[in-house]
Amino acid sequence: MEYRPTDEDLRNIAEEHVCAECGGELEVRRDPETGQPEIRCTRDQAHRGYVTKPTAIQTYRRGESVPAHIEDTIRKAMLPGGHKIGTALAIIKMRFPAAALDEASAALFINDCLRLDLDPLLGEIVPATFKVKDKATNTEHKVVQPLITEDGWLSMAARGCRDRWIGAPTACRLEDRLRKENEGKAAEEIDKLARAVKKDICGDELAHVWVAWGKVKVDGEVVETPPTYGWFRQSEKAKNTPGAELPGNQARVRAINRWVRENFPDAKKRMMEMTAVWLERGKDVAAVRQVIDAEYRIIMEPKDTPPGEIAEPGQSMPAVFRTWGDVAQLAHDCGISQDDLFRRARVKKWADFPGFDEAVKIIQELSNERAHKPRML
């Protein structure tokens, strides 16, 4: 027998969600033709779909106003929140016991949080710790790799690009989106279509894939963004990455991650700077590089790169950079001006470079220097 939600189920959905198209309140109404209860947008009856209402913390951290007493409560719960550094370190160590942070690694993690303006106590960023043994001295030290959550990505976009931000994107499993786009098709057909799409975008027809799409403001006009995809391949289960424990959820985070960086330039630039720092910090730790490669595919993903593959920083990339225009675009994405690049390389024009690799190497050097340069917090 086909399941039909009860009136109470629908009322609960209407209370806990908002319209996916305009963010308006929802209500339960009877369809005039069938007499069945349905959820409808109070602003426009033609709107379809709904998303979970943002919490007070999400609303506040995404640049919107909340009642003064709620704002005060949130600010007191934030880090550093007026705490002395010793207290802040103790709070972080207690908040993330599984990370086994010592004072040095906790301090480094807090510094990364401050640079990104993300708060670990609000669930926007969490630490993953990797133990590394120095073969020469036989001593062990820790490398902390921050992982940005879904709330963290959206908070960064909303506060860093207020002129473009409208609201959080809608996100769902690829199969669910295909089902809505192909109403009436059998489940077997949807599954076959999903496998073909997965094979095309990431090279693994059995991968967990999520889709994110939404709206942004461009020159004062509301524009619907194209869908972005996040995936978790079957092969990643064998790798030492935090995402291996929650593949479905991690695919969702990656879809939203990609949606943010493709639609909010400031957030993308900030993450490129931090990615350069993290790559340098974990350059000798294979597990850290795996995490960065999986969670922060920021550097560049050209159209002619094979599905799911990405160029490693510093490696030879003749198949990726086919023209100097490609290299110029990379410099632009990294916030490096052509004058600064030419000055460092001591050249007057693109043709003076020995090759693409040399230009890319200098772009990465300049990007690393900027990432390490102290900034006012």
Protein backbone atom coordinates (compact mmCIF):
# COMPACT_ATOMS: atom_id res chain seq x y z
CA MET A 1 0.00 0.00 0.00
CA GLU A 2 1.31 3.45 -0.93
CA TYR A 3 2.36 5.54 2.05
CA ARG A 4 0.59 8.87 2.50
CA PRO A 5 1.68 11.35 5.17
CA THR A 6 -0.94 12.22 7.77
CA ASP A 7 -2.21 15.74 8.37
CA GLU A 8 -0.01 15.90 11.46
CA ASP A 9 3.05 14.87 9.43
CA LEU A 10 2.36 17.64 6.93
CA ARG A 11 1.83 20.23 9.67
CA ASN A 12 5.18 19.29 11.22
CA ILE A 13 6.88 19.59 7.84
CA ALA A 14 5.31 23.03 7.28
CA GLU A 15 6.49 24.22 10.71
CA GLU A 16 10.06 22.96 10.34
CA HIS A 17 10.69 23.95 6.71
CA VAL A 18 10.46 26.92 4.32
CA CYS A 19 9.84 27.20 0.58
CA ALA A 20 12.85 26.04 -1.46
CA GLU A 21 12.24 28.70 -4.12
CA CYS A 22 11.64 31.87 -2.10
CA GLY A 23 12.22 31.04 1.56
CA GLY A 24 8.61 31.83 2.44
CA GLU A 25 6.53 30.15 5.13
CA LEU A 26 4.62 26.98 4.30
CA GLU A 27 1.06 25.91 5.01
CA VAL A 28 -1.08 22.81 4.55
CA ARG A 29 -3.93 23.18 2.04
CA ARG A 30 -6.40 20.82 0.38
CA ASP A 31 -6.01 20.24 -3.31
CA PRO A 32 -9.31 21.46 -4.84
CA GLU A 33 -9.41 18.59 -7.36
CA THR A 34 -8.31 15.60 -5.29
CA GLY A 35 -9.17 16.82 -1.82
CA GLN A 36 -5.79 15.58 -0.57
CA PRO A 37 -3.74 17.74 1.85
CA GLU A 38 -0.61 19.25 0.30
CA ILE A 39 2.13 21.62 1.39
CA ARG A 40 2.07 24.98 -0.36
CA CYS A 41 4.11 28.20 -0.19
CA THR A 42 2.19 31.07 1.41
CA ARG A 43 3.75 33.54 -1.02
CA ASP A 44 3.18 31.68 -4.28
CA GLN A 45 1.05 28.57 -4.66
CA ALA A 46 2.99 27.57 -7.79
CA HIS A 47 6.25 27.15 -5.86
CA ARG A 48 7.35 23.60 -5.16
CA GLY A 49 9.82 22.02 -2.77
CA TYR A 50 10.97 22.91 0.72
CA VAL A 51 14.18 23.09 2.77
CA THR A 52 14.85 22.92 6.51
CA LYS A 53 14.53 26.21 8.37
CA PRO A 54 17.93 27.63 9.39
CA THR A 55 18.67 27.67 13.11
CA ALA A 56 19.24 30.92 14.99
CA ILE A 57 23.00 30.31 14.88
CA GLN A 58 22.95 29.70 11.12
CA THR A 59 20.83 32.82 10.58
CA TYR A 60 23.19 34.97 12.67
CA ARG A 61 26.38 33.61 11.12
CA ARG A 62 24.99 34.13 7.61
CA GLY A 63 24.69 37.85 8.16
CA GLU A 64 21.00 38.12 9.04
CA SER A 65 19.52 39.74 12.14
CA VAL A 66 18.29 37.82 15.16
CA PRO A 67 16.73 39.09 18.42
CA ALA A 68 19.26 40.85 20.66
CA HIS A 69 19.04 38.31 23.49
CA ILE A 70 19.68 35.42 21.06
CA GLU A 71 22.63 37.25 19.50
CA ASP A 72 24.09 37.82 22.97
CA THR A 73 23.75 34.11 23.80
CA ILE A 74 25.43 33.09 20.53
CA ARG A 75 28.31 35.53 20.98
CA LYS A 76 29.01 34.22 24.47
CA ALA A 77 29.21 30.69 23.11
CA MET A 78 31.66 31.62 20.36
CA LEU A 79 35.43 31.35 20.38
CA PRO A 80 37.37 33.24 21.60
CA GLY A 81 34.31 34.95 23.12
CA GLY A 82 36.44 37.08 25.40
CA HIS A 83 38.31 34.07 26.81
CA LYS A 84 42.02 34.28 27.51
CA ILE A 85 44.17 32.17 25.22
CA GLY A 86 44.78 29.54 27.91
CA THR A 87 41.06 29.15 28.48
CA ALA A 88 40.39 29.03 24.74
CA LEU A 89 42.96 26.25 24.32
CA ALA A 90 41.40 24.24 27.14
CA ILE A 91 37.92 24.65 25.63
CA ILE A 92 39.11 23.43 22.21
CA LYS A 93 40.85 20.39 23.71
CA MET A 94 37.71 19.47 25.67
CA ARG A 95 35.40 20.14 22.71
CA PHE A 96 37.33 17.76 20.43
CA PRO A 97 38.70 14.97 22.65
CA ALA A 98 38.94 12.50 19.74
CA ALA A 99 41.39 14.81 17.97
CA ALA A 100 43.85 14.39 20.90
CA LEU A 101 45.14 17.95 20.53
CA ASP A 102 48.13 19.14 22.51
CA GLU A 103 48.59 22.86 23.24
CA ALA A 104 50.70 23.48 20.16
CA SER A 105 48.28 21.79 17.75
CA ALA A 106 45.26 23.39 19.46
CA ALA A 107 46.85 26.84 19.14
CA LEU A 108 47.56 26.22 15.44
CA PHE A 109 43.97 25.10 14.91
CA ILE A 110 42.60 28.22 16.65
CA ASN A 111 44.81 30.40 14.45
CA ASP A 112 43.42 28.76 11.31
CA CYS A 113 39.88 29.31 12.61
CA LEU A 114 40.57 33.01 13.19
CA ARG A 115 42.08 33.45 9.73
CA LEU A 116 39.01 31.89 8.13
CA ASP A 117 36.62 33.61 10.56
CA LEU A 118 35.00 30.27 11.34
CA ASP A 119 33.99 29.13 14.81
CA PRO A 120 34.66 25.53 15.92
CA LEU A 121 32.28 25.84 18.89
CA LEU A 122 29.43 26.57 16.46
CA GLY A 123 30.26 23.50 14.36
CA GLU A 124 31.69 25.44 11.40
CA ILE A 125 35.12 23.80 11.43
CA VAL A 126 36.58 20.72 13.14
CA PRO A 127 40.15 19.36 13.57
CA ALA A 128 41.50 16.08 12.22
CA THR A 129 44.82 15.06 13.79
CA PHE A 130 47.52 12.95 12.16
CA LYS A 131 50.54 11.58 14.01
CA VAL A 132 53.82 11.70 12.10
CA LYS A 133 57.13 10.09 13.04
CA ASP A 134 60.38 11.75 12.02
CA LYS A 135 62.56 8.91 10.69
CA ALA A 136 65.78 10.81 11.32
CA THR A 137 65.14 11.55 15.02
CA ASN A 138 62.54 8.85 15.70
CA THR A 139 60.35 11.49 17.36
CA GLU A 140 56.61 11.84 16.87
CA HIS A 141 54.69 15.05 16.26
CA LYS A 142 51.13 15.95 15.25
CA VAL A 143 49.79 17.65 12.15
CA VAL A 144 46.31 19.16 12.45
CA GLN A 145 44.16 19.43 9.33
CA PRO A 146 41.00 21.56 9.73
CA LEU A 147 37.84 20.29 8.02
CA ILE A 148 35.19 22.85 7.12
CA THR A 149 31.61 21.70 7.64
CA GLU A 150 28.52 22.53 5.60
CA ASP A 151 27.64 25.34 8.03
CA GLY A 152 31.19 26.65 7.75
CA TRP A 153 31.13 26.88 3.95
CA LEU A 154 27.78 28.68 3.94
CA SER A 155 28.82 31.01 6.76
CA MET A 156 31.96 31.95 4.82
CA ALA A 157 29.97 32.66 1.66
CA ALA A 158 27.26 34.70 3.37
CA ARG A 159 29.59 36.94 5.35
CA GLY A 160 32.32 37.22 2.71
CA CYS A 161 30.08 37.99 -0.29
CA ARG A 162 27.05 39.82 1.11
CA ASP A 163 26.28 41.41 -2.26
CA ARG A 164 25.76 37.96 -3.84
CA TRP A 165 24.28 35.97 -0.96
CA ILE A 166 20.55 35.22 -0.96
CA GLY A 167 20.38 31.99 0.96
CA ALA A 168 21.63 28.44 1.32
CA PRO A 169 21.39 26.12 -1.68
CA THR A 170 19.11 23.14 -1.99
CA ALA A 171 21.01 19.84 -1.83
CA CYS A 172 19.89 16.28 -2.44
CA ARG A 173 21.10 12.92 -3.70
CA LEU A 174 21.61 12.72 -7.45
CA GLU A 175 18.98 9.97 -7.67
CA ASP A 176 16.38 12.17 -5.97
CA ARG A 177 16.99 15.06 -8.35
CA LEU A 178 16.81 12.79 -11.39
CA ARG A 179 13.57 11.30 -10.07
CA LYS A 180 12.00 14.77 -9.88
CA GLU A 181 13.27 15.71 -13.34
CA ASN A 182 12.01 12.47 -14.86
CA GLU A 183 8.63 11.90 -13.27
CA GLY A 184 6.92 8.76 -14.47
CA LYS A 185 10.11 6.85 -15.26
CA ALA A 186 10.63 3.47 -13.58
CA ALA A 187 13.13 3.11 -10.73
CA GLU A 188 15.34 0.93 -12.95
CA GLU A 189 15.56 3.70 -15.55
CA ILE A 190 16.45 6.30 -12.90
CA ASP A 191 19.16 4.02 -11.52
CA LYS A 192 20.62 3.47 -14.99
CA LEU A 193 20.60 7.22 -15.68
CA ALA A 194 22.22 7.97 -12.31
CA ARG A 195 25.02 5.48 -13.00
CA ALA A 196 25.69 7.11 -16.37
CA VAL A 197 25.84 10.61 -14.83
CA LYS A 198 28.16 9.41 -12.04
CA LYS A 199 30.45 7.75 -14.55
CA ASP A 200 30.60 10.98 -16.54
CA ILE A 201 31.32 13.39 -13.66
CA CYS A 202 33.65 11.37 -11.44
CA GLY A 203 34.50 8.13 -13.22
CA ASP A 204 32.74 5.88 -10.69
CA GLU A 205 29.18 4.74 -11.40
CA LEU A 206 28.84 3.45 -7.81
CA ALA A 207 29.96 6.69 -6.13
CA HIS A 208 27.83 8.57 -3.61
CA VAL A 209 26.85 11.78 -5.45
CA TRP A 210 24.95 14.82 -4.19
CA VAL A 211 23.76 17.87 -6.12
CA ALA A 212 23.54 21.48 -4.87
CA TRP A 213 21.86 24.42 -6.60
CA GLY A 214 20.49 27.77 -5.52
CA LYS A 215 20.24 31.46 -6.33
CA VAL A 216 22.62 34.42 -6.05
CA LYS A 217 22.45 38.14 -6.76
CA VAL A 218 24.41 39.42 -9.76
CA ASP A 219 24.31 43.19 -10.39
CA GLY A 220 21.17 43.40 -8.30
CA GLU A 221 19.34 40.64 -10.19
CA VAL A 222 18.52 37.19 -8.84
CA VAL A 223 20.18 34.46 -10.91
CA GLU A 224 19.70 30.72 -10.58
CA THR A 225 23.00 28.88 -10.37
CA PRO A 226 23.80 25.73 -12.34
CA PRO A 227 23.99 22.54 -10.26
CA THR A 228 27.27 21.56 -8.65
CA TYR A 229 28.17 17.99 -7.74
CA GLY A 230 29.97 16.45 -4.81
CA TRP A 231 31.01 12.82 -4.77
CA PHE A 232 32.64 10.14 -2.69
CA ARG A 233 34.13 7.32 -4.73
CA GLN A 234 34.25 3.69 -3.69
CA SER A 235 38.05 3.83 -3.91
CA GLU A 236 38.15 6.48 -1.18
CA LYS A 237 36.89 3.98 1.38
CA ALA A 238 40.35 2.45 1.40
CA LYS A 239 42.05 5.80 2.03
CA ASN A 240 42.79 7.32 5.40
CA THR A 241 40.31 10.22 5.18
CA PRO A 242 37.62 11.33 7.64
CA GLY A 243 35.05 11.15 4.86
CA ALA A 244 35.43 7.37 4.72
CA GLU A 245 33.13 7.01 7.73
CA LEU A 246 30.26 9.13 6.36
CA PRO A 247 30.39 8.85 2.56
CA GLY A 248 26.85 10.06 1.87
CA ASN A 249 27.16 13.07 4.13
CA GLN A 250 30.64 13.89 2.86
CA ALA A 251 29.40 13.94 -0.72
CA ARG A 252 26.77 16.49 0.36
CA VAL A 253 29.41 18.70 2.02
CA ARG A 254 31.56 18.56 -1.10
CA ALA A 255 28.61 19.53 -3.33
CA ILE A 256 27.95 22.59 -1.14
CA ASN A 257 31.69 23.29 -0.96
CA ARG A 258 31.83 23.38 -4.76
CA TRP A 259 28.65 25.52 -4.96
CA VAL A 260 30.21 28.08 -2.61
CA ARG A 261 33.53 28.36 -4.39
CA GLU A 262 31.97 28.55 -7.87
CA ASN A 263 29.56 31.33 -6.88
CA PHE A 264 31.39 33.35 -4.19
CA PRO A 265 34.82 34.64 -5.32
CA ASP A 266 35.90 35.98 -1.92
CA ALA A 267 35.31 32.64 -0.20
CA LYS A 268 37.18 30.84 -2.99
CA LYS A 269 40.16 33.21 -2.74
CA ARG A 270 40.37 32.83 1.03
CA MET A 271 40.27 29.05 0.74
CA MET A 272 42.96 29.04 -1.94
CA GLU A 273 45.23 30.95 0.43
CA MET A 274 44.58 28.56 3.30
CA THR A 275 44.94 25.51 1.05
CA ALA A 276 48.43 26.68 0.11
CA VAL A 277 49.31 26.94 3.82
CA TRP A 278 47.91 23.49 4.58
CA LEU A 279 49.71 21.89 1.63
CA GLU A 280 53.00 23.32 2.88
CA ARG A 281 52.29 22.28 6.47
CA GLY A 282 51.41 18.71 5.52
CA LYS A 283 53.74 18.26 2.55
CA ASP A 284 55.48 15.26 4.16
CA VAL A 285 52.30 13.58 5.38
CA ALA A 286 50.52 11.47 2.76
CA ALA A 287 47.29 11.22 4.81
CA VAL A 288 47.03 15.01 5.12
CA ARG A 289 47.54 15.46 1.39
CA GLN A 290 44.78 12.91 0.76
CA VAL A 291 42.40 14.92 2.94
CA ILE A 292 43.28 18.19 1.24
CA ASP A 293 42.92 16.60 -2.20
CA ALA A 294 39.52 15.14 -1.29
CA GLU A 295 38.00 18.06 0.60
CA TYR A 296 39.59 21.16 -0.94
CA ARG A 297 39.83 20.78 -4.71
CA ILE A 298 40.37 24.53 -4.99
CA ILE A 299 43.44 25.09 -7.16
CA MET A 300 41.89 24.48 -10.59
CA GLU A 301 39.81 21.90 -12.40
CA PRO A 302 40.17 22.59 -16.14
CA LYS A 303 37.58 21.33 -18.60
CA ASP A 304 40.06 19.04 -20.32
CA THR A 305 41.13 17.25 -17.10
CA PRO A 306 40.00 13.59 -17.06
CA PRO A 307 36.81 12.99 -14.99
CA GLY A 308 37.53 13.17 -11.29
CA GLU A 309 41.24 13.92 -11.73
CA ILE A 310 43.04 17.08 -10.64
CA ALA A 311 46.53 18.37 -11.14
CA GLU A 312 48.75 18.14 -8.07
CA PRO A 313 50.50 21.41 -7.11
CA GLY A 314 53.93 21.60 -8.71
CA GLN A 315 53.65 18.57 -10.96
CA SER A 316 54.16 18.71 -14.72
CA MET A 317 50.88 19.68 -16.34
CA PRO A 318 51.26 19.84 -20.14
CA ALA A 319 47.85 18.21 -20.65
CA VAL A 320 46.12 20.74 -18.41
CA PHE A 321 47.67 24.04 -19.44
CA ARG A 322 47.47 24.15 -23.21
CA THR A 323 47.68 27.95 -23.64
CA TRP A 324 49.12 30.88 -21.74
CA GLY A 325 45.54 31.99 -21.29
CA ASP A 326 45.02 28.97 -19.02
CA VAL A 327 48.01 30.01 -16.91
CA ALA A 328 46.83 33.63 -16.79
CA GLN A 329 43.44 32.42 -15.55
CA LEU A 330 45.14 30.42 -12.78
CA ALA A 331 47.09 33.50 -11.70
CA HIS A 332 43.89 35.53 -11.66
CA ASP A 333 42.09 32.88 -9.58
CA CYS A 334 44.98 32.94 -7.09
CA GLY A 335 44.81 36.73 -6.81
CA ILE A 336 48.22 37.18 -8.49
CA SER A 337 48.50 40.10 -10.92
CA GLN A 338 50.34 39.72 -14.20
CA ASP A 339 52.76 42.50 -13.21
CA ASP A 340 53.69 40.73 -9.95
CA LEU A 341 54.16 37.43 -11.78
CA PHE A 342 56.34 38.94 -14.53
CA ARG A 343 58.38 40.90 -11.97
CA ARG A 344 59.15 37.79 -9.93
CA ALA A 345 60.02 35.77 -13.03
CA ARG A 346 62.03 38.69 -14.51
CA VAL A 347 60.25 38.45 -17.84
CA LYS A 348 58.44 40.98 -19.99
CA LYS A 349 55.95 38.72 -21.74
CA TRP A 350 54.48 35.22 -21.52
CA ALA A 351 56.69 33.93 -24.30
CA ASP A 352 59.77 34.65 -22.15
CA PHE A 353 58.88 31.84 -19.71
CA PRO A 354 60.75 28.55 -20.30
CA GLY A 355 57.42 26.71 -20.07
CA PHE A 356 54.05 26.44 -18.35
CA ASP A 357 55.48 24.59 -15.33
CA GLU A 358 57.86 27.41 -14.45
CA ALA A 359 55.06 29.99 -14.53
CA VAL A 360 52.79 27.80 -12.38
CA LYS A 361 55.61 27.25 -9.89
CA ILE A 362 56.05 31.00 -9.44
CA ILE A 363 52.28 31.50 -9.07
CA GLN A 364 52.29 28.94 -6.28
CA GLU A 365 55.29 30.62 -4.61
CA LEU A 366 53.54 34.00 -4.61
CA SER A 367 50.31 32.42 -3.36
CA ASN A 368 52.16 30.69 -0.49
CA GLU A 369 53.90 33.93 0.49
CA ARG A 370 50.60 35.79 0.64
CA ALA A 371 49.02 33.02 2.67
CA HIS A 372 51.83 33.21 5.24
CA LYS A 373 51.84 37.01 5.38
CA PRO A 374 50.34 38.23 8.71
CA ARG A 375 46.92 39.82 8.36
CA MET A 376 44.89 41.98 10.70
CA LEU A 377 42.22 39.84 12.40
